């Protein structure tokens, strides 16, 4: 069993309020959950208007499958026109490491 996580630092486009930020971040998190069956949430930068950190976690029996899912999530974030993907951090944990 392998667990993988991805934390993505995003710069939001034309956003001037926390309400506007929610309108951008919520659909992204929902799409990650729906398309890839992962746990996803805004995990940092909640008080900043133009920055967000989105965290994604997944579990699979194979490290390659975890990597594929995280790669797909990262691609989705990079391809969204309303955000700029500034950086990502990944972690892969084998079941023996729990």
PDB file of N, CA and C in Angstrom:
ATOM      1  N   UNK A   1       0.850  -1.173   0.000  1.00  0.00           N
ATOM      2  CA  UNK A   1       0.000   0.000   0.000  1.00  0.00           C
ATOM      3  C   UNK A   1       0.898   1.240   0.000  1.00  0.00           C
ATOM      4  N   UNK A   2       0.579   2.187  -0.862  1.00  0.00           N
ATOM      5  CA  UNK A   2       1.346   3.420  -0.973  1.00  0.00           C
ATOM      6  C   UNK A   2       0.408   4.612  -0.841  1.00  0.00           C
ATOM      7  N   UNK A   3       0.896   5.629  -0.164  1.00  0.00           N
ATOM      8  CA  UNK A   3       0.176   6.884  -0.024  1.00  0.00           C
ATOM      9  C   UNK A   3       1.017   7.970  -0.678  1.00  0.00           C
ATOM     10  N   UNK A   4       0.376   8.829  -1.444  1.00  0.00           N
ATOM     11  CA  UNK A   4       1.080   9.929  -2.078  1.00  0.00           C
ATOM     12  C   UNK A   4       0.353  11.229  -1.832  1.00  0.00           C
ATOM     13  N   UNK A   5       1.138  12.288  -1.710  1.00  0.00           N
ATOM     14  CA  UNK A   5       0.529  13.606  -1.545  1.00  0.00           C
ATOM     15  C   UNK A   5       1.237  14.613  -2.446  1.00  0.00           C
ATOM     16  N   UNK A   6       0.478  15.598  -2.842  1.00  0.00           N
ATOM     17  CA  UNK A   6       0.963  16.679  -3.685  1.00  0.00           C
ATOM     18  C   UNK A   6       0.459  17.976  -3.080  1.00  0.00           C
ATOM     19  N   UNK A   7       1.352  18.920  -2.882  1.00  0.00           N
ATOM     20  CA  UNK A   7       0.966  20.260  -2.456  1.00  0.00           C
ATOM     21  C   UNK A   7       1.376  21.217  -3.557  1.00  0.00           C
ATOM     22  N   UNK A   8       0.423  21.991  -4.058  1.00  0.00           N
ATOM     23  CA  UNK A   8       0.663  22.903  -5.170  1.00  0.00           C
ATOM     24  C   UNK A   8       0.450  24.344  -4.708  1.00  0.00           C
ATOM     25  N   UNK A   9       1.401  25.196  -5.019  1.00  0.00           N
ATOM     26  CA  UNK A   9       1.308  26.623  -4.719  1.00  0.00           C
ATOM     27  C   UNK A   9       0.817  27.318  -5.982  1.00  0.00           C
ATOM     28  N   UNK A  10      -0.329  27.987  -5.882  1.00  0.00           N
ATOM     29  CA  UNK A  10      -0.965  28.604  -7.039  1.00  0.00           C
ATOM     30  C   UNK A  10      -1.019  30.122  -6.902  1.00  0.00           C
ATOM     31  N   UNK A  11      -0.811  30.798  -8.015  1.00  0.00           N
ATOM     32  CA  UNK A  11      -1.032  32.243  -8.111  1.00  0.00           C
ATOM     33  C   UNK A  11      -2.319  32.413  -8.906  1.00  0.00           C
ATOM     34  N   UNK A  12      -3.284  33.099  -8.314  1.00  0.00           N
ATOM     35  CA  UNK A  12      -4.581  33.280  -8.955  1.00  0.00           C
ATOM     36  C   UNK A  12      -4.550  34.509  -9.842  1.00  0.00           C
ATOM     37  N   UNK A  13      -5.330  34.469 -10.889  1.00  0.00           N
ATOM     38  CA  UNK A  13      -5.382  35.574 -11.845  1.00  0.00           C
ATOM     39  C   UNK A  13      -6.061  36.808 -11.279  1.00  0.00           C
ATOM     40  N   UNK A  14      -7.084  37.277 -11.939  1.00  0.00           N
ATOM     41  CA  UNK A  14      -7.760  38.535 -11.615  1.00  0.00           C
ATOM     42  C   UNK A  14      -8.733  38.341 -10.450  1.00  0.00           C
ATOM     43  N   UNK A  15      -8.184  38.245  -9.244  1.00  0.00           N
ATOM     44  CA  UNK A  15      -8.985  38.028  -8.035  1.00  0.00           C
ATOM     45  C   UNK A  15      -8.715  39.187  -7.075  1.00  0.00           C
ATOM     46  N   UNK A  16      -9.798  39.780  -6.554  1.00  0.00           N
ATOM     47  CA  UNK A  16      -9.632  40.953  -5.691  1.00  0.00           C
ATOM     48  C   UNK A  16     -10.255  40.787  -4.315  1.00  0.00           C
ATOM     49  N   UNK A  17     -10.774  39.601  -4.022  1.00  0.00           N
ATOM     50  CA  UNK A  17     -11.393  39.378  -2.720  1.00  0.00           C
ATOM     51  C   UNK A  17     -11.313  37.896  -2.380  1.00  0.00           C
ATOM     52  N   UNK A  18     -11.543  37.591  -1.113  1.00  0.00           N
ATOM     53  CA  UNK A  18     -11.571  36.193  -0.699  1.00  0.00           C
ATOM     54  C   UNK A  18     -12.755  35.461  -1.326  1.00  0.00           C
ATOM     55  N   UNK A  19     -13.855  36.177  -1.543  1.00  0.00           N
ATOM     56  CA  UNK A  19     -15.013  35.582  -2.206  1.00  0.00           C
ATOM     57  C   UNK A  19     -14.665  35.209  -3.647  1.00  0.00           C
ATOM     58  N   UNK A  20     -13.957  36.088  -4.331  1.00  0.00           N
ATOM     59  CA  UNK A  20     -13.507  35.802  -5.693  1.00  0.00           C
ATOM     60  C   UNK A  20     -12.532  34.638  -5.727  1.00  0.00           C
ATOM     61  N   UNK A  21     -11.681  34.569  -4.713  1.00  0.00           N
ATOM     62  CA  UNK A  21     -10.737  33.455  -4.608  1.00  0.00           C
ATOM     63  C   UNK A  21     -11.482  32.134  -4.474  1.00  0.00           C
ATOM     64  N   UNK A  22     -12.479  32.098  -3.606  1.00  0.00           N
ATOM     65  CA  UNK A  22     -13.280  30.878  -3.427  1.00  0.00           C
ATOM     66  C   UNK A  22     -13.915  30.440  -4.741  1.00  0.00           C
ATOM     67  N   UNK A  23     -14.361  31.412  -5.521  1.00  0.00           N
ATOM     68  CA  UNK A  23     -15.001  31.107  -6.799  1.00  0.00           C
ATOM     69  C   UNK A  23     -14.032  30.461  -7.789  1.00  0.00           C
ATOM     70  N   UNK A  24     -12.743  30.679  -7.612  1.00  0.00           N
ATOM     71  CA  UNK A  24     -11.733  30.064  -8.473  1.00  0.00           C
ATOM     72  C   UNK A  24     -11.265  28.723  -7.899  1.00  0.00           C
ATOM     73  N   UNK A  25     -10.993  28.684  -6.596  1.00  0.00           N
ATOM     74  CA  UNK A  25     -10.376  27.509  -5.978  1.00  0.00           C
ATOM     75  C   UNK A  25     -11.367  26.349  -5.813  1.00  0.00           C
ATOM     76  N   UNK A  26     -12.593  26.638  -5.411  1.00  0.00           N
ATOM     77  CA  UNK A  26     -13.567  25.565  -5.169  1.00  0.00           C
ATOM     78  C   UNK A  26     -13.816  24.663  -6.379  1.00  0.00           C
ATOM     79  N   UNK A  27     -14.010  25.228  -7.580  1.00  0.00           N
ATOM     80  CA  UNK A  27     -14.212  24.351  -8.743  1.00  0.00           C
ATOM     81  C   UNK A  27     -12.978  23.507  -9.081  1.00  0.00           C
ATOM     82  N   UNK A  28     -11.798  24.043  -8.831  1.00  0.00           N
ATOM     83  CA  UNK A  28     -10.575  23.291  -9.088  1.00  0.00           C
ATOM     84  C   UNK A  28     -10.493  22.089  -8.144  1.00  0.00           C
ATOM     85  N   UNK A  29     -10.737  22.321  -6.867  1.00  0.00           N
ATOM     86  CA  UNK A  29     -10.709  21.245  -5.875  1.00  0.00           C
ATOM     87  C   UNK A  29     -11.779  20.206  -6.202  1.00  0.00           C
ATOM     88  N   UNK A  30     -12.965  20.660  -6.576  1.00  0.00           N
ATOM     89  CA  UNK A  30     -14.048  19.735  -6.921  1.00  0.00           C
ATOM     90  C   UNK A  30     -13.692  18.892  -8.146  1.00  0.00           C
ATOM     91  N   UNK A  31     -13.074  19.495  -9.140  1.00  0.00           N
ATOM     92  CA  UNK A  31     -12.690  18.747 -10.339  1.00  0.00           C
ATOM     93  C   UNK A  31     -11.612  17.714 -10.029  1.00  0.00           C
ATOM     94  N   UNK A  32     -10.639  18.066  -9.188  1.00  0.00           N
ATOM     95  CA  UNK A  32      -9.621  17.093  -8.781  1.00  0.00           C
ATOM     96  C   UNK A  32     -10.271  15.884  -8.111  1.00  0.00           C
ATOM     97  N   UNK A  33     -11.189  16.145  -7.200  1.00  0.00           N
ATOM     98  CA  UNK A  33     -11.878  15.057  -6.497  1.00  0.00           C
ATOM     99  C   UNK A  33     -12.669  14.180  -7.467  1.00  0.00           C
ATOM    100  N   UNK A  34     -13.414  14.825  -8.349  1.00  0.00           N
ATOM    101  CA  UNK A  34     -14.305  14.104  -9.256  1.00  0.00           C
ATOM    102  C   UNK A  34     -13.534  13.297 -10.298  1.00  0.00           C
ATOM    103  N   UNK A  35     -12.554  13.910 -10.931  1.00  0.00           N
ATOM    104  CA  UNK A  35     -11.849  13.244 -12.033  1.00  0.00           C
ATOM    105  C   UNK A  35     -10.884  12.167 -11.582  1.00  0.00           C
ATOM    106  N   UNK A  36     -10.271  12.345 -10.399  1.00  0.00           N
ATOM    107  CA  UNK A  36      -9.197  11.436 -10.006  1.00  0.00           C
ATOM    108  C   UNK A  36      -9.472  10.668  -8.719  1.00  0.00           C
ATOM    109  N   UNK A  37     -10.633  10.840  -8.116  1.00  0.00           N
ATOM    110  CA  UNK A  37     -10.999  10.135  -6.875  1.00  0.00           C
ATOM    111  C   UNK A  37      -9.920  10.289  -5.810  1.00  0.00           C
ATOM    112  N   UNK A  38      -9.496  11.533  -5.585  1.00  0.00           N
ATOM    113  CA  UNK A  38      -8.486  11.843  -4.575  1.00  0.00           C
ATOM    114  C   UNK A  38      -9.116  12.698  -3.476  1.00  0.00           C
ATOM    115  N   UNK A  39      -8.422  12.792  -2.370  1.00  0.00           N
ATOM    116  CA  UNK A  39      -8.786  13.773  -1.350  1.00  0.00           C
ATOM    117  C   UNK A  39      -8.095  15.071  -1.749  1.00  0.00           C
ATOM    118  N   UNK A  40      -8.827  16.168  -1.804  1.00  0.00           N
ATOM    119  CA  UNK A  40      -8.253  17.449  -2.215  1.00  0.00           C
ATOM    120  C   UNK A  40      -8.891  18.569  -1.409  1.00  0.00           C
ATOM    121  N   UNK A  41      -8.075  19.581  -1.075  1.00  0.00           N
ATOM    122  CA  UNK A  41      -8.570  20.716  -0.304  1.00  0.00           C
ATOM    123  C   UNK A  41      -7.598  21.879  -0.422  1.00  0.00           C
ATOM    124  N   UNK A  42      -8.100  23.070  -0.137  1.00  0.00           N
ATOM    125  CA  UNK A  42      -7.211  24.220   0.014  1.00  0.00           C
ATOM    126  C   UNK A  42      -6.550  24.079   1.376  1.00  0.00           C
ATOM    127  N   UNK A  43      -5.230  24.032   1.403  1.00  0.00           N
ATOM    128  CA  UNK A  43      -4.516  23.739   2.645  1.00  0.00           C
ATOM    129  C   UNK A  43      -3.629  24.870   3.138  1.00  0.00           C
ATOM    130  N   UNK A  44      -3.555  25.955   2.396  1.00  0.00           N
ATOM    131  CA  UNK A  44      -2.718  27.069   2.838  1.00  0.00           C
ATOM    132  C   UNK A  44      -3.062  28.335   2.092  1.00  0.00           C
ATOM    133  N   UNK A  45      -2.630  29.444   2.654  1.00  0.00           N
ATOM    134  CA  UNK A  45      -2.855  30.739   2.025  1.00  0.00           C
ATOM    135  C   UNK A  45      -4.293  31.202   2.065  1.00  0.00           C
ATOM    136  N   UNK A  46      -5.083  30.704   3.024  1.00  0.00           N
ATOM    137  CA  UNK A  46      -6.503  31.042   3.053  1.00  0.00           C
ATOM    138  C   UNK A  46      -6.773  32.531   3.236  1.00  0.00           C
ATOM    139  N   UNK A  47      -5.855  33.248   3.855  1.00  0.00           N
ATOM    140  CA  UNK A  47      -6.087  34.674   4.098  1.00  0.00           C
ATOM    141  C   UNK A  47      -5.510  35.568   2.997  1.00  0.00           C
ATOM    142  N   UNK A  48      -4.927  34.986   1.953  1.00  0.00           N
ATOM    143  CA  UNK A  48      -4.359  35.755   0.846  1.00  0.00           C
ATOM    144  C   UNK A  48      -5.311  35.720  -0.339  1.00  0.00           C
ATOM    145  N   UNK A  49      -5.481  36.868  -1.011  1.00  0.00           N
ATOM    146  CA  UNK A  49      -6.423  36.953  -2.125  1.00  0.00           C
ATOM    147  C   UNK A  49      -5.935  36.251  -3.379  1.00  0.00           C
ATOM    148  N   UNK A  50      -4.664  36.386  -3.702  1.00  0.00           N
ATOM    149  CA  UNK A  50      -4.181  35.905  -4.993  1.00  0.00           C
ATOM    150  C   UNK A  50      -3.306  34.669  -4.912  1.00  0.00           C
ATOM    151  N   UNK A  51      -3.180  34.078  -3.746  1.00  0.00           N
ATOM    152  CA  UNK A  51      -2.373  32.860  -3.592  1.00  0.00           C
ATOM    153  C   UNK A  51      -3.213  31.780  -2.930  1.00  0.00           C
ATOM    154  N   UNK A  52      -2.942  30.542  -3.312  1.00  0.00           N
ATOM    155  CA  UNK A  52      -3.624  29.400  -2.698  1.00  0.00           C
ATOM    156  C   UNK A  52      -2.685  28.208  -2.718  1.00  0.00           C
ATOM    157  N   UNK A  53      -2.809  27.393  -1.707  1.00  0.00           N
ATOM    158  CA  UNK A  53      -2.126  26.106  -1.684  1.00  0.00           C
ATOM    159  C   UNK A  53      -3.203  25.034  -1.711  1.00  0.00           C
ATOM    160  N   UNK A  54      -3.077  24.132  -2.664  1.00  0.00           N
ATOM    161  CA  UNK A  54      -4.028  23.030  -2.795  1.00  0.00           C
ATOM    162  C   UNK A  54      -3.276  21.742  -2.497  1.00  0.00           C
ATOM    163  N   UNK A  55      -3.855  20.926  -1.631  1.00  0.00           N
ATOM    164  CA  UNK A  55      -3.266  19.644  -1.284  1.00  0.00           C
ATOM    165  C   UNK A  55      -4.100  18.513  -1.861  1.00  0.00           C
ATOM    166  N   UNK A  56      -3.408  17.480  -2.325  1.00  0.00           N
ATOM    167  CA  UNK A  56      -4.049  16.297  -2.910  1.00  0.00           C
ATOM    168  C   UNK A  56      -3.413  15.072  -2.266  1.00  0.00           C
ATOM    169  N   UNK A  57      -4.226  14.077  -1.929  1.00  0.00           N
ATOM    170  CA  UNK A  57      -3.706  12.825  -1.386  1.00  0.00           C
ATOM    171  C   UNK A  57      -4.424  11.657  -2.035  1.00  0.00           C
ATOM    172  N   UNK A  58      -3.672  10.575  -2.236  1.00  0.00           N
ATOM    173  CA  UNK A  58      -4.240   9.375  -2.827  1.00  0.00           C
ATOM    174  C   UNK A  58      -3.560   8.142  -2.254  1.00  0.00           C
ATOM    175  N   UNK A  59      -4.240   7.015  -2.336  1.00  0.00           N
ATOM    176  CA  UNK A  59      -3.727   5.737  -1.844  1.00  0.00           C
ATOM    177  C   UNK A  59      -3.917   4.699  -2.933  1.00  0.00           C
ATOM    178  N   UNK A  60      -2.894   3.850  -3.135  1.00  0.00           N
ATOM    179  CA  UNK A  60      -2.994   2.768  -4.119  1.00  0.00           C
ATOM    180  C   UNK A  60      -2.063   1.633  -3.704  1.00  0.00           C
ATOM    181  N   UNK A  61      -2.260   0.493  -4.313  1.00  0.00           N
ATOM    182  CA  UNK A  61      -1.439  -0.667  -4.001  1.00  0.00           C
ATOM    183  C   UNK A  61      -0.089  -0.646  -4.684  1.00  0.00           C
ATOM    184  N   UNK A  62       0.105   0.293  -5.615  1.00  0.00           N
ATOM    185  CA  UNK A  62       1.319   0.339  -6.422  1.00  0.00           C
ATOM    186  C   UNK A  62       1.850   1.775  -6.461  1.00  0.00           C
ATOM    187  N   UNK A  63       3.157   1.934  -6.263  1.00  0.00           N
ATOM    188  CA  UNK A  63       3.763   3.273  -6.275  1.00  0.00           C
ATOM    189  C   UNK A  63       3.591   3.948  -7.634  1.00  0.00           C
ATOM    190  N   UNK A  64       3.648   3.167  -8.709  1.00  0.00           N
ATOM    191  CA  UNK A  64       3.474   3.727 -10.042  1.00  0.00           C
ATOM    192  C   UNK A  64       2.101   4.322 -10.244  1.00  0.00           C
ATOM    193  N   UNK A  65       1.090   3.669  -9.697  1.00  0.00           N
ATOM    194  CA  UNK A  65      -0.266   4.185  -9.821  1.00  0.00           C
ATOM    195  C   UNK A  65      -0.422   5.494  -9.054  1.00  0.00           C
ATOM    196  N   UNK A  66       0.165   5.577  -7.869  1.00  0.00           N
ATOM    197  CA  UNK A  66       0.126   6.821  -7.094  1.00  0.00           C
ATOM    198  C   UNK A  66       0.792   7.942  -7.890  1.00  0.00           C
ATOM    199  N   UNK A  67       1.941   7.652  -8.480  1.00  0.00           N
ATOM    200  CA  UNK A  67       2.668   8.650  -9.272  1.00  0.00           C
ATOM    201  C   UNK A  67       1.846   9.109 -10.468  1.00  0.00           C
ATOM    202  N   UNK A  68       1.186   8.174 -11.142  1.00  0.00           N
ATOM    203  CA  UNK A  68       0.348   8.528 -12.298  1.00  0.00           C
ATOM    204  C   UNK A  68      -0.784   9.461 -11.907  1.00  0.00           C
ATOM    205  N   UNK A  69      -1.437   9.181 -10.801  1.00  0.00           N
ATOM    206  CA  UNK A  69      -2.549  10.017 -10.345  1.00  0.00           C
ATOM    207  C   UNK A  69      -2.035  11.415  -9.983  1.00  0.00           C
ATOM    208  N   UNK A  70      -0.921  11.490  -9.262  1.00  0.00           N
ATOM    209  CA  UNK A  70      -0.382  12.795  -8.881  1.00  0.00           C
ATOM    210  C   UNK A  70       0.098  13.566 -10.105  1.00  0.00           C
ATOM    211  N   UNK A  71       0.680  12.878 -11.090  1.00  0.00           N
ATOM    212  CA  UNK A  71       1.074  13.533 -12.343  1.00  0.00           C
ATOM    213  C   UNK A  71      -0.141  14.139 -13.037  1.00  0.00           C
ATOM    214  N   UNK A  72      -1.230  13.375 -13.093  1.00  0.00           N
ATOM    215  CA  UNK A  72      -2.450  13.865 -13.748  1.00  0.00           C
ATOM    216  C   UNK A  72      -3.018  15.071 -13.011  1.00  0.00           C
ATOM    217  N   UNK A  73      -2.992  15.040 -11.688  1.00  0.00           N
ATOM    218  CA  UNK A  73      -3.478  16.183 -10.901  1.00  0.00           C
ATOM    219  C   UNK A  73      -2.621  17.415 -11.155  1.00  0.00           C
ATOM    220  N   UNK A  74      -1.314  17.220 -11.207  1.00  0.00           N
ATOM    221  CA  UNK A  74      -0.413  18.347 -11.467  1.00  0.00           C
ATOM    222  C   UNK A  74      -0.645  18.929 -12.857  1.00  0.00           C
ATOM    223  N   UNK A  75      -0.854  18.066 -13.840  1.00  0.00           N
ATOM    224  CA  UNK A  75      -1.150  18.548 -15.198  1.00  0.00           C
ATOM    225  C   UNK A  75      -2.433  19.364 -15.225  1.00  0.00           C
ATOM    226  N   UNK A  76      -3.466  18.877 -14.534  1.00  0.00           N
ATOM    227  CA  UNK A  76      -4.726  19.607 -14.496  1.00  0.00           C
ATOM    228  C   UNK A  76      -4.508  21.013 -13.924  1.00  0.00           C
ATOM    229  N   UNK A  77      -3.759  21.103 -12.841  1.00  0.00           N
ATOM    230  CA  UNK A  77      -3.495  22.411 -12.226  1.00  0.00           C
ATOM    231  C   UNK A  77      -2.685  23.310 -13.161  1.00  0.00           C
ATOM    232  N   UNK A  78      -1.703  22.743 -13.836  1.00  0.00           N
ATOM    233  CA  UNK A  78      -0.855  23.532 -14.739  1.00  0.00           C
ATOM    234  C   UNK A  78      -1.619  24.035 -15.955  1.00  0.00           C
ATOM    235  N   UNK A  79      -2.657  23.294 -16.358  1.00  0.00           N
ATOM    236  CA  UNK A  79      -3.407  23.650 -17.566  1.00  0.00           C
ATOM    237  C   UNK A  79      -4.546  24.621 -17.308  1.00  0.00           C
ATOM    238  N   UNK A  80      -4.870  24.893 -16.055  1.00  0.00           N
ATOM    239  CA  UNK A  80      -5.982  25.803 -15.759  1.00  0.00           C
ATOM    240  C   UNK A  80      -5.575  27.234 -16.109  1.00  0.00           C
ATOM    241  N   UNK A  81      -6.328  27.909 -16.980  1.00  0.00           N
ATOM    242  CA  UNK A  81      -5.939  29.254 -17.418  1.00  0.00           C
ATOM    243  C   UNK A  81      -6.078  30.321 -16.332  1.00  0.00           C
ATOM    244  N   UNK A  82      -6.927  30.072 -15.331  1.00  0.00           N
ATOM    245  CA  UNK A  82      -7.164  31.104 -14.317  1.00  0.00           C
ATOM    246  C   UNK A  82      -6.134  31.099 -13.191  1.00  0.00           C
ATOM    247  N   UNK A  83      -5.206  30.137 -13.203  1.00  0.00           N
ATOM    248  CA  UNK A  83      -4.165  30.074 -12.180  1.00  0.00           C
ATOM    249  C   UNK A  83      -2.811  29.821 -12.830  1.00  0.00           C
ATOM    250  N   UNK A  84      -1.764  30.200 -12.110  1.00  0.00           N
ATOM    251  CA  UNK A  84      -0.395  29.875 -12.502  1.00  0.00           C
ATOM    252  C   UNK A  84       0.169  28.950 -11.443  1.00  0.00           C
ATOM    253  N   UNK A  85       0.652  27.799 -11.863  1.00  0.00           N
ATOM    254  CA  UNK A  85       1.252  26.839 -10.947  1.00  0.00           C
ATOM    255  C   UNK A  85       2.679  27.292 -10.662  1.00  0.00           C
ATOM    256  N   UNK A  86       2.927  27.730  -9.415  1.00  0.00           N
ATOM    257  CA  UNK A  86       4.239  28.257  -9.055  1.00  0.00           C
ATOM    258  C   UNK A  86       5.204  27.153  -8.638  1.00  0.00           C
ATOM    259  N   UNK A  87       4.738  26.207  -7.840  1.00  0.00           N
ATOM    260  CA  UNK A  87       5.604  25.121  -7.385  1.00  0.00           C
ATOM    261  C   UNK A  87       4.753  23.969  -6.875  1.00  0.00           C
ATOM    262  N   UNK A  88       5.385  22.804  -6.787  1.00  0.00           N
ATOM    263  CA  UNK A  88       4.733  21.642  -6.205  1.00  0.00           C
ATOM    264  C   UNK A  88       5.711  20.921  -5.292  1.00  0.00           C
ATOM    265  N   UNK A  89       5.161  20.193  -4.344  1.00  0.00           N
ATOM    266  CA  UNK A  89       5.946  19.341  -3.452  1.00  0.00           C
ATOM    267  C   UNK A  89       5.221  18.011  -3.371  1.00  0.00           C
ATOM    268  N   UNK A  90       5.964  16.925  -3.541  1.00  0.00           N
ATOM    269  CA  UNK A  90       5.375  15.588  -3.500  1.00  0.00           C
ATOM    270  C   UNK A  90       5.993  14.772  -2.381  1.00  0.00           C
ATOM    271  N   UNK A  91       5.181  13.835  -1.913  1.00  0.00           N
ATOM    272  CA  UNK A  91       5.663  12.883  -0.925  1.00  0.00           C
ATOM    273  C   UNK A  91       5.024  11.534  -1.223  1.00  0.00           C
ATOM    274  N   UNK A  92       5.832  10.482  -1.205  1.00  0.00           N
ATOM    275  CA  UNK A  92       5.363   9.126  -1.419  1.00  0.00           C
ATOM    276  C   UNK A  92       5.777   8.303  -0.203  1.00  0.00           C
ATOM    277  N   UNK A  93       4.808   7.616   0.408  1.00  0.00           N
ATOM    278  CA  UNK A  93       5.083   6.838   1.605  1.00  0.00           C
ATOM    279  C   UNK A  93       4.637   5.402   1.334  1.00  0.00           C
ATOM    280  N   UNK A  94       5.560   4.466   1.557  1.00  0.00           N
ATOM    281  CA  UNK A  94       5.233   3.049   1.427  1.00  0.00           C
ATOM    282  C   UNK A  94       4.508   2.584   2.676  1.00  0.00           C
ATOM    283  N   UNK A  95       3.671   1.568   2.546  1.00  0.00           N
ATOM    284  CA  UNK A  95       2.893   1.050   3.666  1.00  0.00           C
ATOM    285  C   UNK A  95       3.755   0.640   4.841  1.00  0.00           C
ATOM    286  N   UNK A  96       4.975   0.208   4.583  1.00  0.00           N
ATOM    287  CA  UNK A  96       5.887  -0.188   5.659  1.00  0.00           C
ATOM    288  C   UNK A  96       6.326   0.990   6.509  1.00  0.00           C
ATOM    289  N   UNK A  97       6.202   2.224   5.966  1.00  0.00           N
ATOM    290  CA  UNK A  97       6.678   3.421   6.655  1.00  0.00           C
ATOM    291  C   UNK A  97       5.646   4.012   7.608  1.00  0.00           C
ATOM    292  N   UNK A  98       4.425   3.475   7.653  1.00  0.00           N
ATOM    293  CA  UNK A  98       3.381   4.036   8.503  1.00  0.00           C
ATOM    294  C   UNK A  98       3.704   3.832   9.938  1.00  0.00           C
TER     295      UNK A  98
END
